Amino acid sequence: MRVFGNPDRRLPRRVVQLFAGLVLYGASMAMMVESGLGLTSWDVFHQGLSQATGLSFGTVVILVGLPLLLLWIPLRERVGFGTIANVVVIGLVVDAALAVLPAGAGLPARITYLVAGILLNGVATGLYMGARLGAGPRDGLMTGVVRRFPRLSIRVVRTSIELTVLAVGFLLGGTAGIGTIAYALCIGPLAHIFLPIFTVAPAMPERPAPREICPSR
């Protein structure tokens, strides 16, 4: 008899997978920064704020995540363990990776950083999202707006958010370039490949034990 119900035995794997994905995600962001060939829309925004405020890139990533979570409240989005981990871990890893990665000297090295960063980002996305422990603050903002305003499509909401942060980040001095376009074109197909590979299926409910058949008297 189970006193505490049916625990998810896959939880340890999901937690390990979550943190592996977040660490790789932060490392992939650092690679794209070192490439100097363009960042994701949100990272153009982060880099622009970093240059405007003097704060480190990773610190800005963390600080931007906090007000985004406040926006979840009116949107009625649920904050999961993975959401909080996303806010903290990625920012810390980005700064650590930027401190140890050698600068990309020459165009071949910069292109290598860019390609490796985009591919690693796709793997990391599949890992942390596939763990099913909570969306990141930026993804949750998108899904929350779509749920709150069902007449708006995901495509319209996502594009509007991405273009807004890209424009603001670019005006603040963030790096937008060929890498920004390459990421926008590649991340969808990469997520399509890696999400099914790493998604942890929900635990199947246990079947009730068969009732004993009492002999007729």
N, C-alpha and C. Protein backbone atom coordinates (compact mmCIF):
# COMPACT_ATOMS: atom_id res chain seq x y z
N MET A 1 0.85 -1.20 0.00
CA MET A 1 0.00 0.00 0.00
C MET A 1 0.88 1.24 0.00
N ARG A 2 0.54 2.24 -0.80
CA ARG A 2 1.33 3.46 -0.89
C ARG A 2 0.63 4.55 -0.08
N VAL A 3 1.34 5.05 0.91
CA VAL A 3 0.75 6.09 1.74
C VAL A 3 0.76 7.43 1.03
N PHE A 4 1.80 7.71 0.27
CA PHE A 4 1.97 9.01 -0.36
C PHE A 4 1.62 8.98 -1.85
N GLY A 5 0.84 8.06 -2.27
CA GLY A 5 0.40 8.03 -3.66
C GLY A 5 1.44 7.43 -4.58
N ASN A 6 1.42 7.87 -5.83
CA ASN A 6 2.30 7.31 -6.85
C ASN A 6 3.36 8.33 -7.24
N PRO A 7 4.54 8.30 -6.62
CA PRO A 7 5.57 9.30 -6.93
C PRO A 7 6.13 9.11 -8.33
N ASP A 8 6.60 10.20 -8.89
CA ASP A 8 7.20 10.15 -10.22
C ASP A 8 8.64 9.68 -10.09
N ARG A 9 8.88 8.44 -10.47
CA ARG A 9 10.23 7.88 -10.35
C ARG A 9 11.19 8.49 -11.35
N ARG A 10 10.65 9.23 -12.33
CA ARG A 10 11.52 9.85 -13.32
C ARG A 10 12.00 11.24 -12.88
N LEU A 11 11.57 11.69 -11.71
CA LEU A 11 11.93 13.04 -11.28
C LEU A 11 13.43 13.26 -11.20
N PRO A 12 14.23 12.34 -10.63
CA PRO A 12 15.69 12.58 -10.62
C PRO A 12 16.25 12.78 -12.02
N ARG A 13 15.81 11.96 -12.97
CA ARG A 13 16.30 12.13 -14.34
C ARG A 13 15.88 13.49 -14.89
N ARG A 14 14.64 13.92 -14.61
CA ARG A 14 14.15 15.18 -15.12
C ARG A 14 14.94 16.35 -14.56
N VAL A 15 15.28 16.28 -13.28
CA VAL A 15 16.05 17.36 -12.66
C VAL A 15 17.45 17.44 -13.25
N VAL A 16 18.10 16.28 -13.39
CA VAL A 16 19.44 16.25 -13.99
C VAL A 16 19.39 16.78 -15.42
N GLN A 17 18.39 16.36 -16.16
CA GLN A 17 18.24 16.80 -17.55
C GLN A 17 17.98 18.30 -17.62
N LEU A 18 17.17 18.80 -16.70
CA LEU A 18 16.90 20.24 -16.66
C LEU A 18 18.19 21.03 -16.49
N PHE A 19 19.00 20.67 -15.49
CA PHE A 19 20.21 21.44 -15.22
C PHE A 19 21.24 21.26 -16.33
N ALA A 20 21.31 20.07 -16.92
CA ALA A 20 22.21 19.87 -18.06
C ALA A 20 21.81 20.79 -19.21
N GLY A 21 20.51 20.88 -19.46
CA GLY A 21 20.03 21.76 -20.53
C GLY A 21 20.31 23.22 -20.26
N LEU A 22 20.11 23.65 -19.01
CA LEU A 22 20.33 25.06 -18.67
C LEU A 22 21.81 25.42 -18.76
N VAL A 23 22.69 24.52 -18.32
CA VAL A 23 24.13 24.77 -18.41
C VAL A 23 24.56 24.87 -19.87
N LEU A 24 24.09 23.92 -20.68
CA LEU A 24 24.45 23.96 -22.11
C LEU A 24 23.85 25.19 -22.80
N TYR A 25 22.68 25.60 -22.35
CA TYR A 25 22.05 26.78 -22.94
C TYR A 25 22.90 28.02 -22.67
N GLY A 26 23.35 28.16 -21.42
CA GLY A 26 24.21 29.29 -21.09
C GLY A 26 25.51 29.26 -21.86
N ALA A 27 26.09 28.06 -22.01
CA ALA A 27 27.33 27.93 -22.77
C ALA A 27 27.12 28.30 -24.24
N SER A 28 25.99 27.90 -24.79
CA SER A 28 25.71 28.21 -26.20
C SER A 28 25.55 29.71 -26.41
N MET A 29 24.93 30.39 -25.44
CA MET A 29 24.80 31.84 -25.53
C MET A 29 26.17 32.51 -25.52
N ALA A 30 27.06 32.02 -24.65
CA ALA A 30 28.40 32.59 -24.58
C ALA A 30 29.15 32.40 -25.90
N MET A 31 28.98 31.24 -26.54
CA MET A 31 29.63 30.99 -27.83
C MET A 31 29.16 31.99 -28.88
N MET A 32 27.87 32.27 -28.89
CA MET A 32 27.35 33.22 -29.87
C MET A 32 27.84 34.63 -29.58
N VAL A 33 27.97 34.97 -28.30
CA VAL A 33 28.52 36.27 -27.95
C VAL A 33 29.95 36.39 -28.45
N GLU A 34 30.76 35.35 -28.22
CA GLU A 34 32.16 35.38 -28.64
C GLU A 34 32.32 35.38 -30.16
N SER A 35 31.32 34.87 -30.86
CA SER A 35 31.41 34.87 -32.32
C SER A 35 31.37 36.29 -32.88
N GLY A 36 30.65 37.19 -32.21
CA GLY A 36 30.53 38.56 -32.69
C GLY A 36 29.78 38.69 -34.00
N LEU A 37 29.04 37.64 -34.36
CA LEU A 37 28.35 37.63 -35.65
C LEU A 37 26.84 37.79 -35.51
N GLY A 38 26.38 38.01 -34.30
CA GLY A 38 24.95 38.20 -34.10
C GLY A 38 24.41 37.27 -33.04
N LEU A 39 23.43 37.76 -32.29
CA LEU A 39 22.85 37.01 -31.19
C LEU A 39 21.37 36.79 -31.43
N THR A 40 20.77 35.99 -30.55
CA THR A 40 19.31 35.84 -30.59
C THR A 40 18.68 37.19 -30.25
N SER A 41 17.41 37.34 -30.57
CA SER A 41 16.74 38.62 -30.32
C SER A 41 16.84 39.04 -28.86
N TRP A 42 16.55 38.10 -27.96
CA TRP A 42 16.60 38.42 -26.54
C TRP A 42 18.03 38.73 -26.09
N ASP A 43 19.01 38.04 -26.67
CA ASP A 43 20.40 38.28 -26.27
C ASP A 43 20.94 39.59 -26.82
N VAL A 44 20.41 40.04 -27.97
CA VAL A 44 20.73 41.39 -28.44
C VAL A 44 20.26 42.40 -27.39
N PHE A 45 19.08 42.16 -26.86
CA PHE A 45 18.52 43.01 -25.81
C PHE A 45 19.37 42.94 -24.54
N HIS A 46 19.74 41.72 -24.14
CA HIS A 46 20.57 41.56 -22.95
C HIS A 46 21.92 42.26 -23.11
N GLN A 47 22.53 42.07 -24.27
CA GLN A 47 23.85 42.68 -24.50
C GLN A 47 23.74 44.21 -24.53
N GLY A 48 22.68 44.71 -25.14
CA GLY A 48 22.48 46.15 -25.17
C GLY A 48 22.33 46.73 -23.78
N LEU A 49 21.54 46.07 -22.94
CA LEU A 49 21.38 46.52 -21.55
C LEU A 49 22.70 46.42 -20.78
N SER A 50 23.45 45.35 -21.07
CA SER A 50 24.74 45.18 -20.41
C SER A 50 25.68 46.34 -20.72
N GLN A 51 25.70 46.75 -21.98
CA GLN A 51 26.57 47.84 -22.38
C GLN A 51 26.07 49.18 -21.83
N ALA A 52 24.76 49.33 -21.73
CA ALA A 52 24.20 50.59 -21.24
C ALA A 52 24.34 50.74 -19.73
N THR A 53 24.33 49.63 -19.00
CA THR A 53 24.35 49.69 -17.54
C THR A 53 25.70 49.36 -16.93
N GLY A 54 26.57 48.69 -17.69
CA GLY A 54 27.85 48.26 -17.14
C GLY A 54 27.78 46.96 -16.36
N LEU A 55 26.60 46.36 -16.28
CA LEU A 55 26.45 45.08 -15.61
C LEU A 55 26.91 43.96 -16.54
N SER A 56 27.30 42.83 -15.95
CA SER A 56 27.72 41.71 -16.78
C SER A 56 26.55 41.15 -17.56
N PHE A 57 26.84 40.47 -18.65
CA PHE A 57 25.82 39.89 -19.51
C PHE A 57 24.92 38.95 -18.71
N GLY A 58 25.53 38.07 -17.93
CA GLY A 58 24.75 37.10 -17.16
C GLY A 58 23.88 37.76 -16.11
N THR A 59 24.40 38.82 -15.47
CA THR A 59 23.60 39.53 -14.47
C THR A 59 22.36 40.14 -15.11
N VAL A 60 22.52 40.68 -16.29
CA VAL A 60 21.37 41.25 -17.01
C VAL A 60 20.36 40.15 -17.34
N VAL A 61 20.84 38.99 -17.77
CA VAL A 61 19.94 37.87 -18.08
C VAL A 61 19.08 37.54 -16.86
N ILE A 62 19.71 37.50 -15.69
CA ILE A 62 18.97 37.19 -14.46
C ILE A 62 17.99 38.31 -14.11
N LEU A 63 18.46 39.55 -14.16
CA LEU A 63 17.62 40.67 -13.76
C LEU A 63 16.43 40.88 -14.70
N VAL A 64 16.61 40.61 -15.98
CA VAL A 64 15.49 40.73 -16.91
C VAL A 64 14.44 39.66 -16.64
N GLY A 65 14.90 38.47 -16.22
CA GLY A 65 13.96 37.38 -15.94
C GLY A 65 13.01 37.68 -14.81
N LEU A 66 13.44 38.47 -13.82
CA LEU A 66 12.62 38.73 -12.64
C LEU A 66 11.35 39.53 -12.97
N PRO A 67 11.44 40.69 -13.65
CA PRO A 67 10.19 41.40 -14.00
C PRO A 67 9.31 40.61 -14.97
N LEU A 68 9.93 39.78 -15.80
CA LEU A 68 9.12 38.95 -16.70
C LEU A 68 8.26 38.00 -15.90
N LEU A 69 8.80 37.47 -14.80
CA LEU A 69 8.01 36.59 -13.95
C LEU A 69 6.86 37.34 -13.29
N LEU A 70 7.05 38.61 -12.98
CA LEU A 70 5.96 39.41 -12.41
C LEU A 70 4.83 39.56 -13.41
N LEU A 71 5.18 39.61 -14.71
CA LEU A 71 4.15 39.69 -15.74
C LEU A 71 3.33 38.40 -15.83
N TRP A 72 3.89 37.31 -15.30
CA TRP A 72 3.15 36.05 -15.31
C TRP A 72 1.93 36.11 -14.40
N ILE A 73 1.97 36.97 -13.38
CA ILE A 73 0.88 36.99 -12.40
C ILE A 73 -0.45 37.35 -13.05
N PRO A 74 -0.56 38.50 -13.75
CA PRO A 74 -1.84 38.79 -14.40
C PRO A 74 -2.16 37.83 -15.54
N LEU A 75 -1.12 37.20 -16.09
CA LEU A 75 -1.35 36.24 -17.18
C LEU A 75 -1.71 34.86 -16.65
N ARG A 76 -1.62 34.68 -15.32
CA ARG A 76 -1.99 33.43 -14.65
C ARG A 76 -1.15 32.24 -15.13
N GLU A 77 0.12 32.51 -15.33
CA GLU A 77 1.04 31.43 -15.67
C GLU A 77 1.59 30.80 -14.40
N ARG A 78 1.81 29.51 -14.42
CA ARG A 78 2.34 28.81 -13.27
C ARG A 78 3.86 28.81 -13.30
N VAL A 79 4.46 29.16 -12.18
CA VAL A 79 5.91 29.15 -12.04
C VAL A 79 6.34 27.78 -11.53
N GLY A 80 7.17 27.09 -12.27
CA GLY A 80 7.67 25.79 -11.86
C GLY A 80 9.09 25.87 -11.34
N PHE A 81 9.57 24.76 -10.82
CA PHE A 81 10.96 24.69 -10.35
C PHE A 81 11.92 25.03 -11.48
N GLY A 82 11.62 24.52 -12.67
CA GLY A 82 12.48 24.79 -13.82
C GLY A 82 12.49 26.25 -14.21
N THR A 83 11.40 26.97 -13.92
CA THR A 83 11.33 28.39 -14.24
C THR A 83 12.33 29.18 -13.41
N ILE A 84 12.35 28.92 -12.10
CA ILE A 84 13.28 29.60 -11.21
C ILE A 84 14.72 29.23 -11.56
N ALA A 85 14.95 27.94 -11.80
CA ALA A 85 16.30 27.50 -12.17
C ALA A 85 16.75 28.17 -13.46
N ASN A 86 15.83 28.33 -14.39
CA ASN A 86 16.14 28.98 -15.66
C ASN A 86 16.65 30.40 -15.44
N VAL A 87 15.96 31.13 -14.57
CA VAL A 87 16.33 32.52 -14.32
C VAL A 87 17.76 32.63 -13.78
N VAL A 88 18.10 31.74 -12.85
CA VAL A 88 19.38 31.87 -12.14
C VAL A 88 20.53 31.19 -12.88
N VAL A 89 20.33 29.93 -13.27
CA VAL A 89 21.44 29.12 -13.77
C VAL A 89 22.00 29.65 -15.08
N ILE A 90 21.15 29.98 -16.02
CA ILE A 90 21.64 30.42 -17.33
C ILE A 90 22.51 31.66 -17.21
N GLY A 91 22.07 32.63 -16.40
CA GLY A 91 22.86 33.84 -16.24
C GLY A 91 24.22 33.58 -15.63
N LEU A 92 24.27 32.71 -14.62
CA LEU A 92 25.55 32.38 -13.99
C LEU A 92 26.48 31.66 -14.96
N VAL A 93 25.92 30.74 -15.73
CA VAL A 93 26.74 29.97 -16.67
C VAL A 93 27.27 30.85 -17.79
N VAL A 94 26.45 31.77 -18.28
CA VAL A 94 26.91 32.67 -19.34
C VAL A 94 28.16 33.43 -18.90
N ASP A 95 28.10 34.03 -17.72
CA ASP A 95 29.26 34.78 -17.24
C ASP A 95 30.48 33.89 -17.05
N ALA A 96 30.25 32.69 -16.51
CA ALA A 96 31.38 31.77 -16.30
C ALA A 96 31.99 31.35 -17.63
N ALA A 97 31.14 31.04 -18.61
CA ALA A 97 31.65 30.62 -19.92
C ALA A 97 32.38 31.75 -20.63
N LEU A 98 31.84 32.97 -20.53
CA LEU A 98 32.52 34.11 -21.16
C LEU A 98 33.88 34.37 -20.54
N ALA A 99 34.04 34.00 -19.27
CA ALA A 99 35.31 34.21 -18.59
C ALA A 99 36.39 33.23 -19.03
N VAL A 100 35.98 32.05 -19.53
CA VAL A 100 36.97 31.03 -19.87
C VAL A 100 37.11 30.79 -21.37
N LEU A 101 36.10 31.16 -22.14
CA LEU A 101 36.20 30.94 -23.59
C LEU A 101 37.22 31.89 -24.21
N PRO A 102 38.13 31.38 -25.02
CA PRO A 102 39.06 32.28 -25.72
C PRO A 102 38.31 33.08 -26.78
N ALA A 103 38.74 34.30 -26.99
CA ALA A 103 38.10 35.14 -28.00
C ALA A 103 38.28 34.52 -29.38
N GLY A 104 37.26 34.67 -30.20
CA GLY A 104 37.34 34.14 -31.56
C GLY A 104 38.27 34.99 -32.41
N ALA A 105 39.48 34.49 -32.64
CA ALA A 105 40.47 35.23 -33.42
C ALA A 105 40.37 34.81 -34.88
N GLY A 106 39.87 35.69 -35.71
CA GLY A 106 39.74 35.37 -37.12
C GLY A 106 38.35 34.86 -37.45
N LEU A 107 37.96 35.04 -38.69
CA LEU A 107 36.60 34.68 -39.12
C LEU A 107 36.29 33.19 -38.98
N PRO A 108 37.22 32.27 -39.32
CA PRO A 108 36.89 30.85 -39.16
C PRO A 108 36.53 30.48 -37.73
N ALA A 109 37.29 31.01 -36.77
CA ALA A 109 36.99 30.71 -35.37
C ALA A 109 35.65 31.29 -34.96
N ARG A 110 35.33 32.48 -35.45
CA ARG A 110 34.06 33.11 -35.10
C ARG A 110 32.89 32.34 -35.70
N ILE A 111 33.06 31.86 -36.93
CA ILE A 111 32.01 31.06 -37.55
C ILE A 111 31.82 29.75 -36.79
N THR A 112 32.92 29.16 -36.35
CA THR A 112 32.85 27.92 -35.56
C THR A 112 32.07 28.15 -34.28
N TYR A 113 32.35 29.25 -33.61
CA TYR A 113 31.62 29.60 -32.39
C TYR A 113 30.12 29.72 -32.69
N LEU A 114 29.81 30.41 -33.77
CA LEU A 114 28.40 30.64 -34.11
C LEU A 114 27.67 29.33 -34.39
N VAL A 115 28.26 28.50 -35.27
CA VAL A 115 27.61 27.24 -35.64
C VAL A 115 27.47 26.33 -34.42
N ALA A 116 28.56 26.21 -33.64
CA ALA A 116 28.51 25.37 -32.44
C ALA A 116 27.50 25.91 -31.44
N GLY A 117 27.43 27.22 -31.30
CA GLY A 117 26.48 27.82 -30.37
C GLY A 117 25.04 27.55 -30.75
N ILE A 118 24.72 27.66 -32.03
CA ILE A 118 23.35 27.41 -32.48
C ILE A 118 22.98 25.94 -32.30
N LEU A 119 23.89 25.04 -32.69
CA LEU A 119 23.61 23.61 -32.53
C LEU A 119 23.45 23.23 -31.06
N LEU A 120 24.34 23.73 -30.22
CA LEU A 120 24.27 23.43 -28.80
C LEU A 120 23.00 24.01 -28.18
N ASN A 121 22.58 25.15 -28.66
CA ASN A 121 21.35 25.76 -28.18
C ASN A 121 20.14 24.89 -28.50
N GLY A 122 20.16 24.28 -29.68
CA GLY A 122 19.07 23.37 -30.04
C GLY A 122 19.01 22.17 -29.13
N VAL A 123 20.18 21.58 -28.84
CA VAL A 123 20.24 20.45 -27.91
C VAL A 123 19.76 20.86 -26.53
N ALA A 124 20.25 22.03 -26.07
CA ALA A 124 19.90 22.51 -24.74
C ALA A 124 18.40 22.78 -24.63
N THR A 125 17.82 23.32 -25.68
CA THR A 125 16.37 23.57 -25.68
C THR A 125 15.59 22.28 -25.51
N GLY A 126 16.00 21.25 -26.25
CA GLY A 126 15.34 19.96 -26.12
C GLY A 126 15.48 19.37 -24.73
N LEU A 127 16.64 19.56 -24.12
CA LEU A 127 16.89 19.00 -22.79
C LEU A 127 16.04 19.69 -21.72
N TYR A 128 16.13 21.02 -21.65
CA TYR A 128 15.46 21.69 -20.52
C TYR A 128 13.94 21.74 -20.71
N MET A 129 13.48 21.89 -21.95
CA MET A 129 12.04 21.87 -22.17
C MET A 129 11.47 20.46 -22.04
N GLY A 130 12.27 19.48 -22.49
CA GLY A 130 11.83 18.09 -22.40
C GLY A 130 11.73 17.58 -20.98
N ALA A 131 12.41 18.25 -20.03
CA ALA A 131 12.32 17.84 -18.63
C ALA A 131 10.95 18.12 -18.04
N ARG A 132 10.19 19.02 -18.65
CA ARG A 132 8.82 19.35 -18.22
C ARG A 132 8.74 19.81 -16.76
N LEU A 133 9.66 20.70 -16.38
CA LEU A 133 9.66 21.22 -15.00
C LEU A 133 9.36 22.71 -14.95
N GLY A 134 8.87 23.25 -16.04
CA GLY A 134 8.50 24.66 -16.06
C GLY A 134 9.17 25.41 -17.19
N ALA A 135 8.42 26.30 -17.83
CA ALA A 135 8.95 27.09 -18.93
C ALA A 135 9.84 28.20 -18.40
N GLY A 136 10.72 28.69 -19.26
CA GLY A 136 11.53 29.84 -18.92
C GLY A 136 10.68 31.10 -18.90
N PRO A 137 11.15 32.17 -18.27
CA PRO A 137 10.33 33.39 -18.15
C PRO A 137 9.96 34.00 -19.49
N ARG A 138 10.82 33.89 -20.49
CA ARG A 138 10.53 34.49 -21.79
C ARG A 138 9.51 33.65 -22.55
N ASP A 139 9.67 32.33 -22.52
CA ASP A 139 8.69 31.45 -23.18
C ASP A 139 7.34 31.54 -22.50
N GLY A 140 7.35 31.62 -21.16
CA GLY A 140 6.09 31.73 -20.42
C GLY A 140 5.35 33.02 -20.72
N LEU A 141 6.09 34.10 -20.97
CA LEU A 141 5.45 35.35 -21.35
C LEU A 141 4.66 35.17 -22.64
N MET A 142 5.27 34.51 -23.60
CA MET A 142 4.59 34.27 -24.87
C MET A 142 3.34 33.42 -24.70
N THR A 143 3.48 32.28 -24.04
CA THR A 143 2.33 31.39 -23.89
C THR A 143 1.25 32.03 -23.03
N GLY A 144 1.66 32.83 -22.03
CA GLY A 144 0.67 33.51 -21.20
C GLY A 144 -0.15 34.52 -21.97
N VAL A 145 0.50 35.29 -22.83
CA VAL A 145 -0.21 36.28 -23.64
C VAL A 145 -1.19 35.58 -24.58
N VAL A 146 -0.75 34.46 -25.16
CA VAL A 146 -1.63 33.73 -26.09
C VAL A 146 -2.86 33.18 -25.36
N ARG A 147 -2.66 32.66 -24.14
CA ARG A 147 -3.80 32.16 -23.38
C ARG A 147 -4.74 33.29 -22.95
N ARG A 148 -4.14 34.43 -22.59
CA ARG A 148 -4.94 35.56 -22.11
C ARG A 148 -5.70 36.21 -23.25
N PHE A 149 -5.12 36.22 -24.44
CA PHE A 149 -5.75 36.83 -25.60
C PHE A 149 -5.82 35.79 -26.72
N PRO A 150 -6.80 34.89 -26.65
CA PRO A 150 -6.85 33.76 -27.58
C PRO A 150 -7.00 34.14 -29.05
N ARG A 151 -7.40 35.37 -29.32
CA ARG A 151 -7.52 35.78 -30.72
C ARG A 151 -6.17 36.00 -31.38
N LEU A 152 -5.14 36.14 -30.56
CA LEU A 152 -3.79 36.33 -31.09
C LEU A 152 -3.12 34.97 -31.27
N SER A 153 -2.50 34.78 -32.41
CA SER A 153 -1.82 33.51 -32.66
C SER A 153 -0.44 33.52 -32.01
N ILE A 154 0.09 32.31 -31.79
CA ILE A 154 1.44 32.19 -31.24
C ILE A 154 2.45 32.89 -32.16
N ARG A 155 2.23 32.75 -33.46
CA ARG A 155 3.16 33.35 -34.41
C ARG A 155 3.20 34.86 -34.26
N VAL A 156 2.02 35.49 -34.14
CA VAL A 156 1.96 36.94 -34.01
C VAL A 156 2.59 37.40 -32.70
N VAL A 157 2.26 36.71 -31.61
CA VAL A 157 2.78 37.11 -30.30
C VAL A 157 4.29 36.93 -30.24
N ARG A 158 4.77 35.76 -30.67
CA ARG A 158 6.20 35.48 -30.62
C ARG A 158 6.98 36.47 -31.49
N THR A 159 6.48 36.71 -32.70
CA THR A 159 7.17 37.63 -33.61
C THR A 159 7.19 39.04 -33.05
N SER A 160 6.07 39.48 -32.46
CA SER A 160 6.00 40.83 -31.91
C SER A 160 6.99 41.01 -30.76
N ILE A 161 7.05 40.03 -29.88
CA ILE A 161 7.98 40.11 -28.75
C ILE A 161 9.42 40.11 -29.24
N GLU A 162 9.73 39.19 -30.15
CA GLU A 162 11.10 39.07 -30.64
C GLU A 162 11.56 40.34 -31.35
N LEU A 163 10.70 40.91 -32.19
CA LEU A 163 11.08 42.11 -32.92
C LEU A 163 11.24 43.31 -31.98
N THR A 164 10.40 43.37 -30.94
CA THR A 164 10.48 44.47 -29.99
C THR A 164 11.81 44.45 -29.23
N VAL A 165 12.14 43.29 -28.66
CA VAL A 165 13.38 43.23 -27.88
C VAL A 165 14.60 43.36 -28.79
N LEU A 166 14.49 42.87 -30.03
CA LEU A 166 15.60 43.01 -30.97
C LEU A 166 15.85 44.47 -31.29
N ALA A 167 14.78 45.22 -31.56
CA ALA A 167 14.93 46.63 -31.91
C ALA A 167 15.50 47.43 -30.74
N VAL A 168 14.96 47.20 -29.54
CA VAL A 168 15.44 47.94 -28.37
C VAL A 168 16.91 47.58 -28.09
N GLY A 169 17.23 46.28 -28.15
CA GLY A 169 18.60 45.85 -27.91
C GLY A 169 19.57 46.42 -28.92
N PHE A 170 19.17 46.46 -30.18
CA PHE A 170 20.03 47.00 -31.23
C PHE A 170 20.29 48.49 -31.00
N LEU A 171 19.26 49.23 -30.60
CA LEU A 171 19.42 50.65 -30.34
C LEU A 171 20.34 50.90 -29.14
N LEU A 172 20.38 49.93 -28.21
CA LEU A 172 21.24 50.05 -27.03
C LEU A 172 22.67 49.58 -27.32
N GLY A 173 22.91 49.05 -28.52
CA GLY A 173 24.27 48.64 -28.89
C GLY A 173 24.49 47.14 -28.95
N GLY A 174 23.41 46.34 -28.86
CA GLY A 174 23.55 44.90 -28.97
C GLY A 174 23.93 44.48 -30.38
N THR A 175 24.54 43.30 -30.48
CA THR A 175 25.04 42.82 -31.78
C THR A 175 23.98 42.01 -32.52
N ALA A 176 23.49 42.57 -33.61
CA ALA A 176 22.57 41.85 -34.50
C ALA A 176 23.27 41.68 -35.84
N GLY A 177 23.18 40.48 -36.40
CA GLY A 177 23.86 40.25 -37.66
C GLY A 177 23.44 38.94 -38.27
N ILE A 178 24.34 38.34 -39.03
CA ILE A 178 24.04 37.10 -39.72
C ILE A 178 23.70 35.99 -38.73
N GLY A 179 24.30 36.04 -37.55
CA GLY A 179 24.01 35.04 -36.54
C GLY A 179 22.58 35.13 -36.04
N THR A 180 22.04 36.35 -35.98
CA THR A 180 20.66 36.55 -35.56
C THR A 180 19.71 35.88 -36.55
N ILE A 181 20.00 36.07 -37.84
CA ILE A 181 19.17 35.47 -38.88
C ILE A 181 19.33 33.96 -38.88
N ALA A 182 20.58 33.48 -38.76
CA ALA A 182 20.83 32.04 -38.77
C ALA A 182 20.12 31.36 -37.61
N TYR A 183 20.16 31.97 -36.45
CA TYR A 183 19.48 31.39 -35.29
C TYR A 183 17.97 31.33 -35.52
N ALA A 184 17.40 32.42 -36.02
CA ALA A 184 15.96 32.46 -36.26
C ALA A 184 15.52 31.37 -37.23
N LEU A 185 16.37 31.08 -38.23
CA LEU A 185 16.02 30.07 -39.23
C LEU A 185 16.25 28.65 -38.73
N CYS A 186 17.22 28.47 -37.83
CA CYS A 186 17.64 27.12 -37.45
C CYS A 186 17.01 26.60 -36.17
N ILE A 187 16.65 27.48 -35.23
CA ILE A 187 16.23 26.99 -33.91
C ILE A 187 14.94 26.19 -33.99
N GLY A 188 14.03 26.56 -34.89
CA GLY A 188 12.79 25.80 -35.03
C GLY A 188 13.04 24.36 -35.47
N PRO A 189 13.75 24.16 -36.58
CA PRO A 189 14.06 22.79 -36.99
C PRO A 189 14.86 22.02 -35.95
N LEU A 190 15.81 22.68 -35.27
CA LEU A 190 16.60 21.99 -34.26
C LEU A 190 15.73 21.55 -33.09
N ALA A 191 14.84 22.44 -32.64
CA ALA A 191 13.94 22.07 -31.55
C ALA A 191 13.03 20.93 -31.99
N HIS A 192 12.63 20.94 -33.25
CA HIS A 192 11.78 19.87 -33.78
C HIS A 192 12.50 18.52 -33.72
N ILE A 193 13.80 18.54 -33.88
CA ILE A 193 14.59 17.30 -33.83
C ILE A 193 14.81 16.84 -32.39
N PHE A 194 15.25 17.78 -31.54
CA PHE A 194 15.72 17.38 -30.21
C PHE A 194 14.63 17.29 -29.14
N LEU A 195 13.54 18.01 -29.29
CA LEU A 195 12.48 17.92 -28.29
C LEU A 195 11.91 16.51 -28.18
N PRO A 196 11.56 15.86 -29.29
CA PRO A 196 11.06 14.48 -29.16
C PRO A 196 12.08 13.51 -28.57
N ILE A 197 13.35 13.77 -28.82
CA ILE A 197 14.39 12.87 -28.31
C ILE A 197 14.49 12.96 -26.79
N PHE A 198 14.40 14.17 -26.25
CA PHE A 198 14.66 14.37 -24.82
C PHE A 198 13.41 14.54 -23.95
N THR A 199 12.24 14.64 -24.56
CA THR A 199 11.04 14.84 -23.74
C THR A 199 10.75 13.60 -22.90
N VAL A 200 10.63 13.82 -21.60
CA VAL A 200 10.32 12.74 -20.67
C VAL A 200 8.81 12.58 -20.62
N ALA A 201 8.32 11.43 -21.02
CA ALA A 201 6.89 11.20 -21.05
C ALA A 201 6.32 11.19 -19.64
N PRO A 202 5.07 11.64 -19.45
CA PRO A 202 4.46 11.59 -18.12
C PRO A 202 4.42 10.17 -17.60
N ALA A 203 4.56 10.04 -16.30
CA ALA A 203 4.52 8.72 -15.69
C ALA A 203 3.14 8.11 -15.89
N MET A 204 3.13 6.85 -16.25
CA MET A 204 1.86 6.15 -16.45
C MET A 204 1.26 5.82 -15.09
N PRO A 205 -0.04 6.07 -14.92
CA PRO A 205 -0.66 5.70 -13.65
C PRO A 205 -0.65 4.20 -13.45
N GLU A 206 -0.42 3.80 -12.22
CA GLU A 206 -0.38 2.38 -11.94
C GLU A 206 -1.76 1.77 -12.08
N ARG A 207 -1.78 0.58 -12.60
CA ARG A 207 -3.06 -0.12 -12.72
C ARG A 207 -3.47 -0.64 -11.34
N PRO A 208 -4.75 -0.54 -11.04
CA PRO A 208 -5.19 -1.06 -9.75
C PRO A 208 -5.00 -2.57 -9.68
N ALA A 209 -4.67 -3.04 -8.50
CA ALA A 209 -4.48 -4.48 -8.33
C ALA A 209 -5.79 -5.21 -8.59
N PRO A 210 -5.71 -6.36 -9.27
CA PRO A 210 -6.95 -7.10 -9.54
C PRO A 210 -7.60 -7.59 -8.25
N ARG A 211 -8.92 -7.52 -8.22
CA ARG A 211 -9.64 -7.98 -7.03
C ARG A 211 -9.57 -9.51 -6.93
N GLU A 212 -9.46 -9.96 -5.70
CA GLU A 212 -9.44 -11.40 -5.50
C GLU A 212 -10.82 -11.98 -5.78
N ILE A 213 -10.83 -13.06 -6.44
CA ILE A 213 -12.10 -13.73 -6.73
C ILE A 213 -12.36 -14.76 -5.64
N CYS A 214 -13.36 -14.49 -4.83
CA CYS A 214 -13.66 -15.39 -3.72
C CYS A 214 -14.42 -16.61 -4.23
N PRO A 215 -14.04 -17.75 -3.78
CA PRO A 215 -14.78 -18.95 -4.18
C PRO A 215 -16.23 -18.90 -3.70
N SER A 216 -17.10 -19.38 -4.49
CA SER A 216 -18.51 -19.40 -4.11
C SER A 216 -18.73 -20.37 -2.96
N ARG A 217 -19.65 -19.98 -2.12
CA ARG A 217 -19.92 -20.82 -0.96
C ARG A 217 -21.26 -21.51 -1.13
